[in-house]
Structures are given as C-alpha cells and as structure tokens.
N, C-alpha and C. Protein backbone atom coordinates (compact mmCIF):
# COMPACT_ATOMS: atom_id res chain seq x y z
N MET A 1 139.34 53.80 48.40
CA MET A 1 138.45 53.25 49.40
C MET A 1 137.16 54.06 49.40
N LEU A 2 136.06 53.38 49.60
CA LEU A 2 134.76 54.03 49.68
C LEU A 2 134.16 53.80 51.06
N LYS A 3 133.46 54.79 51.53
CA LYS A 3 132.71 54.65 52.78
C LYS A 3 131.24 54.80 52.45
N ALA A 4 130.43 53.92 53.03
CA ALA A 4 128.99 54.00 52.83
C ALA A 4 128.31 54.25 54.16
N ASN A 5 127.34 55.12 54.14
CA ASN A 5 126.46 55.34 55.28
C ASN A 5 125.11 54.73 54.91
N ILE A 6 124.60 53.88 55.77
CA ILE A 6 123.32 53.23 55.53
C ILE A 6 122.38 53.62 56.67
N TYR A 7 121.24 54.18 56.29
CA TYR A 7 120.24 54.61 57.25
C TYR A 7 119.05 53.66 57.15
N VAL A 8 118.68 53.03 58.26
CA VAL A 8 117.58 52.07 58.28
C VAL A 8 116.50 52.64 59.19
N THR A 9 115.28 52.72 58.66
CA THR A 9 114.16 53.25 59.44
C THR A 9 112.95 52.34 59.26
N LEU A 10 112.06 52.37 60.24
CA LEU A 10 110.83 51.61 60.11
C LEU A 10 109.95 52.25 59.03
N LYS A 11 109.25 51.39 58.30
CA LYS A 11 108.32 51.90 57.29
C LYS A 11 107.18 52.64 57.96
N ASN A 12 106.57 53.58 57.23
CA ASN A 12 105.40 54.28 57.74
C ASN A 12 104.32 53.25 58.06
N GLY A 13 103.64 53.45 59.17
CA GLY A 13 102.57 52.55 59.57
C GLY A 13 103.03 51.41 60.48
N VAL A 14 104.34 51.19 60.58
CA VAL A 14 104.86 50.16 61.47
C VAL A 14 105.02 50.78 62.85
N LEU A 15 104.46 50.12 63.85
CA LEU A 15 104.55 50.63 65.22
C LEU A 15 106.00 50.64 65.68
N ASP A 16 106.34 51.67 66.45
CA ASP A 16 107.69 51.84 66.97
C ASP A 16 107.63 51.99 68.49
N PRO A 17 107.56 50.87 69.22
CA PRO A 17 107.45 50.96 70.68
C PRO A 17 108.65 51.65 71.34
N GLN A 18 109.84 51.47 70.79
CA GLN A 18 111.02 52.13 71.34
C GLN A 18 110.90 53.64 71.16
N GLY A 19 110.46 54.06 70.00
CA GLY A 19 110.25 55.49 69.75
C GLY A 19 109.20 56.08 70.67
N GLU A 20 108.13 55.33 70.92
CA GLU A 20 107.08 55.79 71.84
C GLU A 20 107.62 55.94 73.25
N ALA A 21 108.44 54.99 73.69
CA ALA A 21 109.03 55.06 75.03
C ALA A 21 109.93 56.29 75.16
N VAL A 22 110.72 56.57 74.13
CA VAL A 22 111.60 57.74 74.16
C VAL A 22 110.76 59.01 74.16
N LYS A 23 109.71 59.03 73.36
CA LYS A 23 108.85 60.22 73.31
C LYS A 23 108.24 60.50 74.69
N LYS A 24 107.74 59.46 75.35
CA LYS A 24 107.16 59.65 76.69
C LYS A 24 108.21 60.15 77.68
N SER A 25 109.41 59.60 77.59
CA SER A 25 110.49 60.04 78.48
C SER A 25 110.86 61.49 78.23
N LEU A 26 110.89 61.90 76.98
CA LEU A 26 111.20 63.29 76.66
C LEU A 26 110.12 64.23 77.21
N LYS A 27 108.87 63.80 77.15
CA LYS A 27 107.77 64.62 77.69
C LYS A 27 107.93 64.76 79.21
N VAL A 28 108.31 63.66 79.88
CA VAL A 28 108.53 63.69 81.32
C VAL A 28 109.66 64.68 81.66
N LEU A 29 110.65 64.77 80.79
CA LEU A 29 111.77 65.68 80.98
C LEU A 29 111.44 67.11 80.53
N ASP A 30 110.15 67.39 80.30
CA ASP A 30 109.64 68.72 79.93
C ASP A 30 110.01 69.17 78.53
N TYR A 31 110.17 68.22 77.62
CA TYR A 31 110.31 68.56 76.20
C TYR A 31 108.95 68.34 75.54
N GLY A 32 108.00 69.18 75.93
CA GLY A 32 106.62 69.03 75.50
C GLY A 32 106.38 69.27 74.03
N GLN A 33 107.32 69.90 73.34
CA GLN A 33 107.14 70.18 71.91
C GLN A 33 107.37 68.95 71.04
N VAL A 34 107.87 67.85 71.62
CA VAL A 34 108.15 66.64 70.84
C VAL A 34 106.83 65.98 70.46
N GLU A 35 106.60 65.82 69.16
CA GLU A 35 105.36 65.22 68.65
C GLU A 35 105.52 63.73 68.34
N GLU A 36 106.66 63.36 67.79
CA GLU A 36 106.86 61.96 67.40
C GLU A 36 108.36 61.64 67.43
N VAL A 37 108.67 60.41 67.79
CA VAL A 37 110.05 59.92 67.77
C VAL A 37 110.04 58.57 67.06
N ARG A 38 110.92 58.41 66.10
CA ARG A 38 111.09 57.13 65.40
C ARG A 38 112.55 56.73 65.57
N ILE A 39 112.78 55.51 65.97
CA ILE A 39 114.13 55.02 66.20
C ILE A 39 114.57 54.20 64.99
N GLY A 40 115.80 54.40 64.56
CA GLY A 40 116.34 53.65 63.43
C GLY A 40 117.78 53.24 63.69
N LYS A 41 118.46 52.87 62.63
CA LYS A 41 119.85 52.44 62.73
C LYS A 41 120.69 53.23 61.74
N PHE A 42 121.94 53.48 62.13
CA PHE A 42 122.92 54.10 61.26
C PHE A 42 124.10 53.16 61.19
N ILE A 43 124.49 52.75 59.99
CA ILE A 43 125.54 51.76 59.79
C ILE A 43 126.58 52.35 58.85
N GLU A 44 127.87 52.24 59.22
CA GLU A 44 128.97 52.66 58.36
C GLU A 44 129.66 51.40 57.83
N VAL A 45 129.92 51.38 56.53
CA VAL A 45 130.63 50.26 55.91
C VAL A 45 131.74 50.84 55.04
N TRP A 46 132.96 50.33 55.22
CA TRP A 46 134.09 50.74 54.39
C TRP A 46 134.39 49.63 53.40
N LEU A 47 134.58 50.01 52.15
CA LEU A 47 134.82 49.04 51.08
C LEU A 47 136.12 49.37 50.36
N GLU A 48 136.87 48.34 49.99
CA GLU A 48 138.06 48.53 49.18
C GLU A 48 137.64 48.85 47.76
N GLY A 49 138.49 49.57 47.05
CA GLY A 49 138.21 49.89 45.65
C GLY A 49 137.54 51.24 45.52
N ASP A 50 137.22 51.58 44.26
CA ASP A 50 136.60 52.88 44.00
C ASP A 50 135.49 52.80 42.96
N ASP A 51 135.00 51.59 42.68
CA ASP A 51 133.91 51.41 41.72
C ASP A 51 132.57 51.64 42.44
N ARG A 52 132.08 52.86 42.32
CA ARG A 52 130.86 53.24 43.04
C ARG A 52 129.64 52.42 42.61
N GLU A 53 129.52 52.15 41.33
CA GLU A 53 128.36 51.40 40.83
C GLU A 53 128.33 49.99 41.41
N SER A 54 129.46 49.31 41.38
CA SER A 54 129.56 47.96 41.94
C SER A 54 129.33 47.99 43.45
N ALA A 55 129.91 48.99 44.11
CA ALA A 55 129.75 49.11 45.56
C ALA A 55 128.29 49.32 45.92
N LEU A 56 127.61 50.17 45.18
CA LEU A 56 126.21 50.43 45.47
C LEU A 56 125.38 49.16 45.33
N LYS A 57 125.65 48.37 44.29
CA LYS A 57 124.94 47.11 44.09
C LYS A 57 125.18 46.18 45.29
N GLU A 58 126.43 46.06 45.72
CA GLU A 58 126.75 45.20 46.86
C GLU A 58 126.10 45.71 48.15
N LEU A 59 126.11 47.01 48.35
CA LEU A 59 125.51 47.58 49.54
C LEU A 59 124.00 47.36 49.58
N GLU A 60 123.36 47.46 48.42
CA GLU A 60 121.92 47.17 48.34
C GLU A 60 121.66 45.71 48.72
N GLU A 61 122.49 44.79 48.21
CA GLU A 61 122.35 43.37 48.55
C GLU A 61 122.56 43.15 50.04
N MET A 62 123.61 43.76 50.60
CA MET A 62 123.88 43.63 52.03
C MET A 62 122.69 44.12 52.85
N SER A 63 122.14 45.23 52.45
CA SER A 63 121.01 45.80 53.18
C SER A 63 119.79 44.90 53.10
N ASP A 64 119.50 44.38 51.91
CA ASP A 64 118.34 43.49 51.73
C ASP A 64 118.49 42.18 52.50
N LYS A 65 119.71 41.65 52.52
CA LYS A 65 119.92 40.32 53.11
C LYS A 65 120.18 40.35 54.61
N LEU A 66 120.79 41.43 55.12
CA LEU A 66 121.21 41.39 56.52
C LEU A 66 120.97 42.67 57.30
N LEU A 67 121.29 43.80 56.74
CA LEU A 67 121.31 45.03 57.52
C LEU A 67 119.92 45.60 57.81
N ALA A 68 118.96 45.30 56.97
CA ALA A 68 117.60 45.78 57.16
C ALA A 68 116.63 44.63 56.96
N ASN A 69 115.46 44.76 57.53
CA ASN A 69 114.38 43.81 57.31
C ASN A 69 113.41 44.48 56.33
N PRO A 70 113.50 44.13 55.04
CA PRO A 70 112.70 44.84 54.02
C PRO A 70 111.18 44.74 54.21
N VAL A 71 110.74 43.82 55.04
CA VAL A 71 109.30 43.70 55.28
C VAL A 71 108.80 44.88 56.09
N ILE A 72 109.58 45.33 57.08
CA ILE A 72 109.12 46.40 57.96
C ILE A 72 110.02 47.63 57.95
N GLU A 73 111.17 47.55 57.26
CA GLU A 73 112.10 48.67 57.29
C GLU A 73 112.45 49.17 55.88
N ASP A 74 112.69 50.46 55.80
CA ASP A 74 113.24 51.08 54.60
C ASP A 74 114.71 51.39 54.89
N TYR A 75 115.48 51.52 53.83
CA TYR A 75 116.88 51.92 54.02
C TYR A 75 117.30 52.83 52.89
N ARG A 76 118.34 53.60 53.21
CA ARG A 76 118.92 54.53 52.23
C ARG A 76 120.42 54.39 52.32
N VAL A 77 121.07 54.27 51.17
CA VAL A 77 122.52 54.11 51.11
C VAL A 77 123.13 55.37 50.49
N GLU A 78 124.16 55.89 51.12
CA GLU A 78 124.91 56.99 50.53
C GLU A 78 126.39 56.62 50.56
N ILE A 79 127.07 56.86 49.47
CA ILE A 79 128.48 56.53 49.35
C ILE A 79 129.31 57.80 49.45
N VAL A 80 130.35 57.74 50.28
CA VAL A 80 131.24 58.88 50.49
C VAL A 80 132.65 58.40 50.20
N GLU A 81 133.37 59.12 49.35
CA GLU A 81 134.76 58.74 49.06
C GLU A 81 135.66 59.10 50.24
N VAL A 82 136.59 58.22 50.52
CA VAL A 82 137.56 58.44 51.59
C VAL A 82 138.94 58.40 50.97
N ASN A 83 139.78 59.37 51.26
CA ASN A 83 141.13 59.39 50.72
C ASN A 83 142.11 58.75 51.66
C-alpha cells in the first residue's frame, strides 16, 4: 500500500483573502512578527499496490482534474510507503 501526501497552494500573485484575514487576526492577537499568511490544502490519499511510478501518474491526474485548480493553484505530490 502507498500513501500520498498532496500539498495544494495558491500560485504566486494570486490573492489570498483567507490568508489576509488570518494574518490580520494574528496581528490583533499580538503576533506582530507575522508578515504573510497563505492558506492551502493538505490531502492524504491511500492507494493499493506498490507501483510508485504508476501511482505518481494517477496522483498527478487526480490533482489536475479534481484536487487542485491548475489555473490558480500549484500542487506537490509526495509518496510514502505504508507497511
């Protein structure tokens, strides 16, 4: 079995209103050292089998088609073996 961690983040230059709201709230809570906050997604996917190459191809397709919006988001896939 393989486990994949997928990290989805907004591309540079894309406005992040949720991140701005969190940054303002952190400043109100006296965390004045916070310069920027960007909000993203973390997705875990478990796959049967152990063919990492095939799994990576499928995970890239999943990310392009559903898990991320490639127009405004970047993603990174990492595969971790699970025993």
